[in-house]
Amino acid sequence: MSAAVIVLVLVAITFVLSVGIVAGLDVYAAVILGLIVAFGAMSLAIARRSRSGAIGPALCSKCDGIVSPNAPYCKHCGARLGSELLRDRRDDR
């Protein structure tokens, strides 16, 4: 996610909160507002983790197939995977 998307989510959360506070909240509106804010916060957390490289697939060093970093075996060639057998996809860019 780009910085523009993060800024857009922050602006949207601020807008929703300000409209909710100005309009006055009943119980149902407060619950919906809480869900919207929670979704925005979750999307920001995912954006930060994806930008840091903590989330994402890896490549099998034997067949170059895309696999999960936590997978015990490559689903393409069946090779046993370990941290030393996985390559990060960003290394190929």
Protein backbone atom coordinates (compact mmCIF):
# COMPACT_ATOMS: atom_id res chain seq x y z
CA MET A 1 0.00 0.00 0.00
CA SER A 2 1.22 3.43 -0.78
CA ALA A 3 1.43 6.34 1.60
CA ALA A 4 -1.52 7.93 -0.23
CA VAL A 5 -3.78 5.02 0.74
CA ILE A 6 -2.71 5.26 4.37
CA VAL A 7 -3.44 9.00 4.38
CA LEU A 8 -6.82 8.36 2.73
CA VAL A 9 -7.78 5.82 5.41
CA LEU A 10 -6.72 8.21 8.19
CA VAL A 11 -8.76 11.03 6.62
CA ALA A 12 -11.78 8.74 6.28
CA ILE A 13 -11.55 7.63 9.93
CA THR A 14 -11.25 11.27 11.06
CA PHE A 15 -14.25 12.24 8.91
CA VAL A 16 -16.42 9.42 10.23
CA LEU A 17 -15.52 10.22 13.82
CA SER A 18 -16.19 13.94 13.40
CA VAL A 19 -19.56 13.38 11.71
CA GLY A 20 -20.52 10.88 14.42
CA ILE A 21 -19.61 13.25 17.21
CA VAL A 22 -21.37 16.26 15.64
CA ALA A 23 -24.54 14.33 14.76
CA GLY A 24 -24.84 12.66 18.15
CA LEU A 25 -24.75 8.91 18.51
CA ASP A 26 -27.32 6.42 19.59
CA VAL A 27 -26.31 2.86 20.51
CA TYR A 28 -26.57 1.43 16.98
CA ALA A 29 -24.67 4.30 15.39
CA ALA A 30 -21.93 4.00 18.02
CA VAL A 31 -21.53 0.28 17.26
CA ILE A 32 -21.36 0.91 13.50
CA LEU A 33 -18.90 3.76 14.04
CA GLY A 34 -16.76 1.49 16.21
CA LEU A 35 -16.72 -1.17 13.49
CA ILE A 36 -15.71 1.37 10.85
CA VAL A 37 -12.86 2.67 13.01
CA ALA A 38 -11.73 -0.88 13.83
CA PHE A 39 -11.70 -1.80 10.13
CA GLY A 40 -9.66 1.31 9.34
CA ALA A 41 -7.17 0.54 12.09
CA MET A 42 -6.89 -3.05 10.89
CA SER A 43 -6.23 -1.92 7.31
CA LEU A 44 -3.49 0.44 8.53
CA ALA A 45 -1.84 -2.37 10.51
CA ILE A 46 -1.92 -4.66 7.48
CA ALA A 47 -0.49 -1.89 5.29
CA ARG A 48 2.41 -1.36 7.69
CA ARG A 49 3.22 -5.06 7.90
CA SER A 50 3.03 -5.53 4.15
CA ARG A 51 5.35 -2.57 3.55
CA SER A 52 7.87 -3.96 6.05
CA GLY A 53 7.97 -7.33 4.28
CA ALA A 54 6.61 -9.27 7.26
CA ILE A 55 3.74 -10.57 5.14
CA GLY A 56 4.09 -12.20 1.76
CA PRO A 57 4.93 -15.36 -0.11
CA ALA A 58 8.39 -16.79 -0.68
CA LEU A 59 9.93 -18.80 -3.51
CA CYS A 60 11.06 -22.40 -3.37
CA SER A 61 14.80 -22.52 -4.05
CA LYS A 62 14.44 -25.75 -6.03
CA CYS A 63 11.59 -24.98 -8.46
CA ASP A 64 10.98 -21.23 -7.94
CA GLY A 65 7.33 -21.91 -7.09
CA ILE A 66 5.48 -19.43 -4.89
CA VAL A 67 4.92 -20.93 -1.44
CA SER A 68 3.94 -19.80 2.03
CA PRO A 69 6.93 -19.02 4.26
CA ASN A 70 5.38 -21.34 6.88
CA ALA A 71 4.78 -24.30 4.55
CA PRO A 72 6.68 -27.50 5.42
CA TYR A 73 6.73 -28.69 1.77
CA CYS A 74 6.63 -27.02 -1.63
CA LYS A 75 3.22 -27.58 -3.19
CA HIS A 76 4.76 -27.58 -6.67
CA CYS A 77 7.74 -29.94 -6.44
CA GLY A 78 7.28 -31.53 -3.00
CA ALA A 79 10.67 -30.42 -1.68
CA ARG A 80 10.96 -30.07 2.08
CA LEU A 81 11.16 -26.39 2.94
CA GLY A 82 13.10 -24.72 5.70
CA SER A 83 14.15 -21.15 6.23
CA GLU A 84 17.39 -21.80 4.36
CA LEU A 85 15.52 -23.17 1.31
CA LEU A 86 13.19 -20.20 0.87
CA ARG A 87 14.00 -17.09 -1.07
CA ASP A 88 12.21 -13.82 -0.62
CA ARG A 89 10.33 -12.68 -3.73
CA ARG A 90 11.75 -9.17 -3.32
CA ASP A 91 15.24 -10.52 -4.05
CA ASP A 92 14.24 -11.02 -7.70
CA ARG A 93 13.17 -7.43 -8.31
